[in-house]
Amino acid sequence: MDQRKLMDNANTITDMAKTQNSVYELVSDMNQRQELLEERVIALEVRIATIAEQLESLPETFSNIIQKALNTHLHQTLNRTLSPPSLNDNTQQNTSNPLGNHNEHRHTHLHPNDAASLATRPSWSTFNLTSPGGPSAGRQSLNPMVPRAGSFDA
């Protein structure tokens, strides 16, 4: 009986040692992962700080780019208006393009305010679609055929 108790105690001590080793491995693995996670978080914080600095500098960068573009455009416009056109240039322009140089410099960009107003406008005239004197005069507009609940024979 004493030997049996001693064997049980020995097995219990062995199991406890194995459990202690497993717990130690788990804790050291968690420590390594925590260190790796902290490194990644620090790298992300550095990236976020860099992006925040870049975002803060965007207005200044935009204004510089716009200012340069405006200056370039202004210089080109001033050079065109201040330089007298030669007779040969006019005859060549008129023969190649009957409208002259007007269409070449036409503004083709859409202003954001205009784009916003276009988004709210329909691409057709609702007045023409519903007015009695419009193109659908004499025709009755039909309601769209939409299936309704209970309209199908089962």
Protein backbone atom coordinates (compact mmCIF):
# COMPACT_ATOMS: atom_id res chain seq x y z
CA MET A 1 0.00 0.00 0.00
CA ASP A 2 2.81 2.41 0.80
CA GLN A 3 4.54 1.53 -2.43
CA ARG A 4 1.34 2.24 -4.36
CA LYS A 5 1.07 5.68 -2.73
CA LEU A 6 4.71 6.35 -3.54
CA MET A 7 4.13 5.40 -7.20
CA ASP A 8 1.06 7.65 -7.39
CA ASN A 9 3.01 10.52 -5.88
CA ALA A 10 5.87 9.93 -8.34
CA ASN A 11 3.44 9.96 -11.26
CA THR A 12 1.82 13.12 -9.94
CA ILE A 13 5.21 14.83 -9.62
CA THR A 14 6.12 13.74 -13.17
CA ASP A 15 2.82 15.09 -14.51
CA MET A 16 3.35 18.37 -12.65
CA ALA A 17 6.86 18.71 -14.12
CA LYS A 18 5.49 18.09 -17.63
CA THR A 19 2.73 20.64 -17.04
CA GLN A 20 5.28 23.14 -15.73
CA ASN A 21 7.41 22.67 -18.88
CA SER A 22 4.34 23.11 -21.12
CA VAL A 23 3.30 26.27 -19.28
CA TYR A 24 6.85 27.62 -19.50
CA GLU A 25 6.91 26.99 -23.29
CA LEU A 26 3.52 28.68 -23.69
CA VAL A 27 4.57 31.72 -21.66
CA SER A 28 7.86 32.12 -23.55
CA ASP A 29 6.00 31.74 -26.90
CA MET A 30 3.51 34.41 -25.79
CA ASN A 31 6.41 36.68 -24.81
CA GLN A 32 8.02 36.29 -28.23
CA ARG A 33 4.74 36.99 -29.99
CA GLN A 34 4.13 40.03 -27.79
CA GLU A 35 7.56 41.42 -28.69
CA LEU A 36 6.87 40.81 -32.39
CA LEU A 37 3.47 42.47 -32.05
CA GLU A 38 5.01 45.48 -30.30
CA GLU A 39 7.55 45.84 -33.13
CA ARG A 40 4.76 45.76 -35.69
CA VAL A 41 2.71 48.31 -33.74
CA ILE A 42 5.74 50.62 -33.55
CA ALA A 43 6.28 50.25 -37.32
CA LEU A 44 2.60 51.07 -37.91
CA GLU A 45 2.81 54.10 -35.63
CA VAL A 46 5.81 55.36 -37.61
CA ARG A 47 3.91 54.86 -40.87
CA ILE A 48 0.85 56.64 -39.51
CA ALA A 49 2.98 59.55 -38.32
CA THR A 50 4.59 59.80 -41.77
CA ILE A 51 1.18 59.73 -43.47
CA ALA A 52 -0.14 62.37 -41.05
CA GLU A 53 2.81 64.63 -41.85
CA GLN A 54 2.22 64.14 -45.56
CA LEU A 55 -1.48 64.92 -45.16
CA GLU A 56 -0.66 68.08 -43.21
CA SER A 57 1.67 69.21 -45.99
CA LEU A 58 -0.90 68.54 -48.76
CA PRO A 59 -2.56 72.00 -48.73
CA GLU A 60 0.81 73.72 -49.09
CA THR A 61 1.87 71.30 -51.82
CA PHE A 62 -1.41 71.81 -53.68
CA SER A 63 -1.12 75.57 -53.47
CA ASN A 64 2.47 75.42 -54.77
CA ILE A 65 1.47 73.21 -57.70
CA ILE A 66 -1.54 75.36 -58.52
CA GLN A 67 0.54 78.53 -58.25
CA LYS A 68 3.16 77.10 -60.62
CA ALA A 69 0.49 76.03 -63.10
CA LEU A 70 -1.18 79.43 -62.94
CA ASN A 71 2.14 81.21 -63.41
CA THR A 72 2.96 79.03 -66.42
CA HIS A 73 -0.48 79.60 -67.92
CA LEU A 74 -0.27 83.34 -67.23
CA HIS A 75 3.16 83.58 -68.88
CA GLN A 76 1.91 81.66 -71.92
CA THR A 77 -1.16 83.87 -72.19
CA LEU A 78 0.88 87.05 -71.81
CA ASN A 79 3.39 85.86 -74.40
CA ARG A 80 0.58 85.09 -76.85
CA THR A 81 -1.16 88.43 -76.34
CA LEU A 82 2.01 90.54 -76.29
CA SER A 83 3.78 88.97 -79.25
CA PRO A 84 2.47 90.35 -82.55
CA PRO A 85 1.25 87.67 -84.92
CA SER A 86 3.15 87.50 -88.19
CA LEU A 87 1.39 87.49 -91.53
CA ASN A 88 2.66 84.01 -92.38
CA ASP A 89 1.33 82.54 -89.12
CA ASN A 90 -2.18 83.91 -89.79
CA THR A 91 -2.37 82.49 -93.29
CA GLN A 92 -1.14 79.10 -92.15
CA GLN A 93 -3.63 79.01 -89.28
CA ASN A 94 -6.53 80.03 -91.48
CA THR A 95 -5.77 77.39 -94.09
CA SER A 96 -5.32 74.55 -91.62
CA ASN A 97 -8.23 75.48 -89.37
CA PRO A 98 -11.02 77.68 -90.72
CA LEU A 99 -12.02 78.79 -87.22
CA GLY A 100 -8.52 79.98 -86.44
CA ASN A 101 -6.71 79.17 -83.21
CA HIS A 102 -9.83 79.57 -81.04
CA ASN A 103 -10.77 75.90 -80.60
CA GLU A 104 -7.22 74.87 -79.78
CA HIS A 105 -7.23 76.68 -76.43
CA ARG A 106 -10.84 76.08 -75.50
CA HIS A 107 -11.35 75.15 -71.85
CA THR A 108 -12.36 71.48 -71.75
CA HIS A 109 -12.32 70.78 -68.01
CA LEU A 110 -15.44 70.54 -65.89
CA HIS A 111 -15.53 72.62 -62.72
CA PRO A 112 -16.48 70.61 -59.57
CA ASN A 113 -19.54 72.82 -58.96
CA ASP A 114 -20.77 72.12 -62.48
CA ALA A 115 -20.16 68.40 -62.02
CA ALA A 116 -22.22 68.43 -58.81
CA SER A 117 -25.11 70.17 -60.54
CA LEU A 118 -24.96 67.70 -63.45
CA ALA A 119 -25.26 64.80 -61.03
CA THR A 120 -28.59 66.12 -59.72
CA ARG A 121 -30.04 66.89 -63.16
CA PRO A 122 -31.70 64.15 -65.21
CA SER A 123 -30.34 63.56 -68.69
CA TRP A 124 -33.79 64.03 -70.24
CA SER A 125 -36.49 66.61 -69.89
CA THR A 126 -39.30 65.42 -67.63
CA PHE A 127 -41.44 68.20 -69.05
CA ASN A 128 -41.27 66.66 -72.51
CA LEU A 129 -42.09 63.22 -71.17
CA THR A 130 -45.27 64.21 -69.32
CA SER A 131 -46.61 67.35 -70.98
CA PRO A 132 -49.77 66.99 -73.10
CA GLY A 133 -48.30 69.16 -75.86
CA GLY A 134 -44.98 67.31 -75.90
CA PRO A 135 -43.80 64.58 -78.21
CA SER A 136 -46.10 62.04 -76.55
CA ALA A 137 -49.23 64.08 -77.34
CA GLY A 138 -52.18 61.88 -78.18
CA ARG A 139 -50.59 58.86 -76.49
CA GLN A 140 -51.48 57.61 -73.09
CA SER A 141 -48.54 56.71 -70.88
CA LEU A 142 -48.78 53.23 -69.44
CA ASN A 143 -47.86 52.26 -65.94
CA PRO A 144 -44.92 49.89 -65.72
CA MET A 145 -45.80 46.24 -65.41
CA VAL A 146 -44.73 45.27 -61.92
CA PRO A 147 -45.65 41.90 -60.42
CA ARG A 148 -47.73 42.28 -57.32
CA ALA A 149 -48.14 39.87 -54.44
CA GLY A 150 -50.97 37.47 -55.17
CA SER A 151 -51.02 38.22 -58.90
CA PHE A 152 -49.52 34.88 -59.82
CA ASP A 153 -51.61 31.76 -60.12
CA ALA A 154 -50.20 29.05 -57.93
